[in-house]
Amino acid sequence: MQQKLKEVYSLEQLALIEDAKHNLIKEIKNAKLDVDHKTIAHAIDFAALAHFKQNRASGEPYILHPIAVAEILIELNFPCNYL
């Protein structure tokens, strides 16, 4: 799936997505949530591919928004089934 992401995103966009993904997984680990990190990473990659043509008004890839929302939910101690 990484190869497909490289085909549809610019290097800059891909770096933003990878940073956001790694930060989210780090937050999940720090919060000691019972979540499979590989599943989360795969879901983010899958969603990034599904929404590769969508950008926010800022020009950033859309997928950054749901990743940011997931980080907020972790900070607010929402149950992990909301992630």
N, C-alpha and C. Protein backbone atom coordinates (compact mmCIF):
# COMPACT_ATOMS: atom_id res chain seq x y z
N MET A 1 0.82 -1.19 0.00
CA MET A 1 0.00 0.00 0.00
C MET A 1 0.87 1.26 0.00
N GLN A 2 2.05 1.16 0.60
CA GLN A 2 2.95 2.31 0.62
C GLN A 2 3.32 2.77 -0.78
N GLN A 3 3.51 1.82 -1.68
CA GLN A 3 3.86 2.18 -3.05
C GLN A 3 2.73 2.96 -3.72
N LYS A 4 1.48 2.54 -3.49
CA LYS A 4 0.35 3.25 -4.07
C LYS A 4 0.26 4.66 -3.51
N LEU A 5 0.53 4.82 -2.21
CA LEU A 5 0.52 6.15 -1.61
C LEU A 5 1.57 7.04 -2.26
N LYS A 6 2.74 6.48 -2.54
CA LYS A 6 3.81 7.24 -3.18
C LYS A 6 3.44 7.65 -4.60
N GLU A 7 2.57 6.89 -5.23
CA GLU A 7 2.15 7.19 -6.60
C GLU A 7 1.13 8.33 -6.66
N VAL A 8 0.34 8.51 -5.60
CA VAL A 8 -0.75 9.49 -5.68
C VAL A 8 -0.51 10.76 -4.87
N TYR A 9 0.44 10.74 -3.95
CA TYR A 9 0.73 11.92 -3.14
C TYR A 9 2.10 12.47 -3.48
N SER A 10 2.25 13.77 -3.32
CA SER A 10 3.58 14.37 -3.47
C SER A 10 4.42 13.96 -2.26
N LEU A 11 5.72 14.11 -2.37
CA LEU A 11 6.60 13.77 -1.25
C LEU A 11 6.27 14.60 -0.02
N GLU A 12 5.92 15.86 -0.21
CA GLU A 12 5.57 16.74 0.90
C GLU A 12 4.29 16.26 1.58
N GLN A 13 3.27 15.94 0.78
CA GLN A 13 2.01 15.45 1.34
C GLN A 13 2.22 14.12 2.06
N LEU A 14 2.98 13.25 1.47
CA LEU A 14 3.24 11.95 2.07
C LEU A 14 3.97 12.11 3.40
N ALA A 15 4.90 13.04 3.47
CA ALA A 15 5.62 13.30 4.72
C ALA A 15 4.67 13.79 5.80
N LEU A 16 3.72 14.66 5.43
CA LEU A 16 2.73 15.14 6.39
C LEU A 16 1.87 14.00 6.93
N ILE A 17 1.44 13.13 6.02
CA ILE A 17 0.61 11.99 6.42
C ILE A 17 1.39 11.05 7.32
N GLU A 18 2.62 10.74 6.95
CA GLU A 18 3.44 9.82 7.74
C GLU A 18 3.72 10.40 9.12
N ASP A 19 4.01 11.69 9.20
CA ASP A 19 4.24 12.33 10.50
C ASP A 19 3.00 12.26 11.37
N ALA A 20 1.85 12.57 10.78
CA ALA A 20 0.60 12.54 11.54
C ALA A 20 0.29 11.12 12.01
N LYS A 21 0.52 10.15 11.14
CA LYS A 21 0.27 8.74 11.50
C LYS A 21 1.17 8.32 12.66
N HIS A 22 2.43 8.64 12.57
CA HIS A 22 3.37 8.26 13.63
C HIS A 22 3.05 8.98 14.94
N ASN A 23 2.65 10.25 14.85
CA ASN A 23 2.27 10.98 16.07
C ASN A 23 1.04 10.37 16.72
N LEU A 24 0.07 9.97 15.90
CA LEU A 24 -1.14 9.34 16.45
C LEU A 24 -0.79 8.03 17.14
N ILE A 25 0.01 7.22 16.51
CA ILE A 25 0.39 5.93 17.11
C ILE A 25 1.17 6.16 18.40
N LYS A 26 2.00 7.18 18.42
CA LYS A 26 2.73 7.53 19.64
C LYS A 26 1.76 7.93 20.75
N GLU A 27 0.74 8.72 20.41
CA GLU A 27 -0.27 9.13 21.39
C GLU A 27 -1.03 7.92 21.92
N ILE A 28 -1.35 6.98 21.03
CA ILE A 28 -2.06 5.76 21.44
C ILE A 28 -1.19 4.97 22.41
N LYS A 29 0.09 4.84 22.10
CA LYS A 29 0.99 4.11 23.00
C LYS A 29 1.12 4.82 24.34
N ASN A 30 1.27 6.15 24.31
CA ASN A 30 1.41 6.91 25.55
C ASN A 30 0.17 6.82 26.43
N ALA A 31 -1.00 6.73 25.78
CA ALA A 31 -2.26 6.61 26.52
C ALA A 31 -2.52 5.18 26.97
N LYS A 32 -1.62 4.26 26.56
CA LYS A 32 -1.74 2.84 26.92
C LYS A 32 -3.10 2.25 26.53
N LEU A 33 -3.55 2.62 25.33
CA LEU A 33 -4.82 2.10 24.83
C LEU A 33 -4.61 0.70 24.27
N ASP A 34 -5.61 -0.13 24.45
CA ASP A 34 -5.56 -1.50 23.95
C ASP A 34 -5.99 -1.52 22.49
N VAL A 35 -5.11 -1.04 21.63
CA VAL A 35 -5.39 -0.92 20.21
C VAL A 35 -4.19 -1.47 19.45
N ASP A 36 -4.46 -2.22 18.40
CA ASP A 36 -3.39 -2.76 17.58
C ASP A 36 -2.83 -1.64 16.69
N HIS A 37 -1.59 -1.28 16.92
CA HIS A 37 -0.98 -0.16 16.20
C HIS A 37 -0.87 -0.42 14.71
N LYS A 38 -0.61 -1.65 14.33
CA LYS A 38 -0.50 -1.98 12.91
C LYS A 38 -1.85 -1.81 12.21
N THR A 39 -2.92 -2.16 12.90
CA THR A 39 -4.26 -2.00 12.34
C THR A 39 -4.57 -0.52 12.13
N ILE A 40 -4.20 0.30 13.10
CA ILE A 40 -4.42 1.75 12.97
C ILE A 40 -3.62 2.30 11.79
N ALA A 41 -2.35 1.91 11.68
CA ALA A 41 -1.51 2.38 10.58
C ALA A 41 -2.09 1.95 9.23
N HIS A 42 -2.54 0.70 9.15
CA HIS A 42 -3.13 0.20 7.90
C HIS A 42 -4.42 0.96 7.58
N ALA A 43 -5.25 1.23 8.58
CA ALA A 43 -6.50 1.96 8.36
C ALA A 43 -6.23 3.37 7.85
N ILE A 44 -5.20 4.02 8.40
CA ILE A 44 -4.85 5.36 7.94
C ILE A 44 -4.38 5.33 6.49
N ASP A 45 -3.54 4.36 6.17
CA ASP A 45 -3.07 4.24 4.79
C ASP A 45 -4.24 3.97 3.83
N PHE A 46 -5.13 3.09 4.24
CA PHE A 46 -6.30 2.76 3.42
C PHE A 46 -7.16 4.01 3.20
N ALA A 47 -7.42 4.75 4.28
CA ALA A 47 -8.24 5.97 4.18
C ALA A 47 -7.53 7.04 3.34
N ALA A 48 -6.21 7.13 3.48
CA ALA A 48 -5.46 8.11 2.69
C ALA A 48 -5.59 7.81 1.19
N LEU A 49 -5.56 6.53 0.85
CA LEU A 49 -5.74 6.16 -0.56
C LEU A 49 -7.16 6.46 -1.03
N ALA A 50 -8.13 6.16 -0.18
CA ALA A 50 -9.53 6.37 -0.56
C ALA A 50 -9.85 7.85 -0.76
N HIS A 51 -9.12 8.73 -0.07
CA HIS A 51 -9.43 10.16 -0.12
C HIS A 51 -8.30 10.98 -0.75
N PHE A 52 -7.48 10.34 -1.60
CA PHE A 52 -6.29 11.03 -2.10
C PHE A 52 -6.61 12.25 -2.94
N LYS A 53 -7.78 12.34 -3.51
CA LYS A 53 -8.13 13.51 -4.33
C LYS A 53 -8.72 14.64 -3.50
N GLN A 54 -8.94 14.39 -2.22
CA GLN A 54 -9.58 15.40 -1.37
C GLN A 54 -8.54 16.16 -0.56
N ASN A 55 -8.65 17.47 -0.62
CA ASN A 55 -7.76 18.33 0.16
C ASN A 55 -8.59 19.28 1.00
N ARG A 56 -8.02 19.70 2.10
CA ARG A 56 -8.66 20.71 2.94
C ARG A 56 -8.49 22.07 2.26
N ALA A 57 -9.20 23.07 2.75
CA ALA A 57 -9.09 24.41 2.18
C ALA A 57 -7.65 24.92 2.23
N SER A 58 -6.90 24.45 3.23
CA SER A 58 -5.49 24.84 3.37
C SER A 58 -4.59 24.19 2.32
N GLY A 59 -5.13 23.19 1.61
CA GLY A 59 -4.35 22.46 0.63
C GLY A 59 -3.77 21.17 1.17
N GLU A 60 -3.87 20.97 2.49
CA GLU A 60 -3.37 19.74 3.10
C GLU A 60 -4.27 18.57 2.74
N PRO A 61 -3.71 17.37 2.73
CA PRO A 61 -4.54 16.20 2.45
C PRO A 61 -5.65 16.06 3.49
N TYR A 62 -6.83 15.69 3.04
CA TYR A 62 -7.99 15.55 3.91
C TYR A 62 -7.72 14.63 5.10
N ILE A 63 -6.98 13.54 4.89
CA ILE A 63 -6.79 12.52 5.91
C ILE A 63 -6.18 13.10 7.19
N LEU A 64 -5.52 14.24 7.10
CA LEU A 64 -4.94 14.84 8.30
C LEU A 64 -6.02 15.25 9.30
N HIS A 65 -7.19 15.60 8.81
CA HIS A 65 -8.27 16.01 9.71
C HIS A 65 -8.74 14.87 10.61
N PRO A 66 -9.13 13.70 10.08
CA PRO A 66 -9.56 12.63 10.98
C PRO A 66 -8.45 12.15 11.91
N ILE A 67 -7.19 12.24 11.48
CA ILE A 67 -6.09 11.87 12.36
C ILE A 67 -6.03 12.86 13.53
N ALA A 68 -6.18 14.14 13.24
CA ALA A 68 -6.17 15.15 14.30
C ALA A 68 -7.35 14.96 15.25
N VAL A 69 -8.49 14.61 14.72
CA VAL A 69 -9.67 14.36 15.57
C VAL A 69 -9.41 13.17 16.49
N ALA A 70 -8.78 12.12 15.96
CA ALA A 70 -8.45 10.95 16.79
C ALA A 70 -7.52 11.35 17.93
N GLU A 71 -6.56 12.22 17.66
CA GLU A 71 -5.65 12.69 18.72
C GLU A 71 -6.42 13.46 19.79
N ILE A 72 -7.38 14.27 19.37
CA ILE A 72 -8.20 15.01 20.34
C ILE A 72 -9.02 14.05 21.19
N LEU A 73 -9.59 13.02 20.57
CA LEU A 73 -10.36 12.04 21.32
C LEU A 73 -9.50 11.31 22.36
N ILE A 74 -8.26 11.05 22.01
CA ILE A 74 -7.35 10.42 22.97
C ILE A 74 -7.10 11.36 24.14
N GLU A 75 -6.85 12.62 23.84
CA GLU A 75 -6.61 13.61 24.91
C GLU A 75 -7.82 13.74 25.83
N LEU A 76 -9.01 13.58 25.29
CA LEU A 76 -10.24 13.69 26.07
C LEU A 76 -10.65 12.38 26.73
N ASN A 77 -9.80 11.36 26.58
CA ASN A 77 -10.03 10.04 27.18
C ASN A 77 -11.30 9.35 26.68
N PHE A 78 -11.64 9.56 25.42
CA PHE A 78 -12.77 8.84 24.84
C PHE A 78 -12.41 7.36 24.76
N PRO A 79 -13.42 6.49 24.85
CA PRO A 79 -13.14 5.05 24.68
C PRO A 79 -12.51 4.79 23.33
N CYS A 80 -11.60 3.82 23.27
CA CYS A 80 -10.83 3.59 22.04
C CYS A 80 -11.69 3.11 20.87
N ASN A 81 -12.92 2.65 21.10
CA ASN A 81 -13.74 2.24 19.97
C ASN A 81 -14.20 3.45 19.13
N TYR A 82 -13.97 4.68 19.61
CA TYR A 82 -14.26 5.86 18.81
C TYR A 82 -13.14 6.21 17.85
N LEU A 83 -11.96 5.64 18.10
CA LEU A 83 -10.82 5.92 17.23
C LEU A 83 -11.02 5.17 15.97
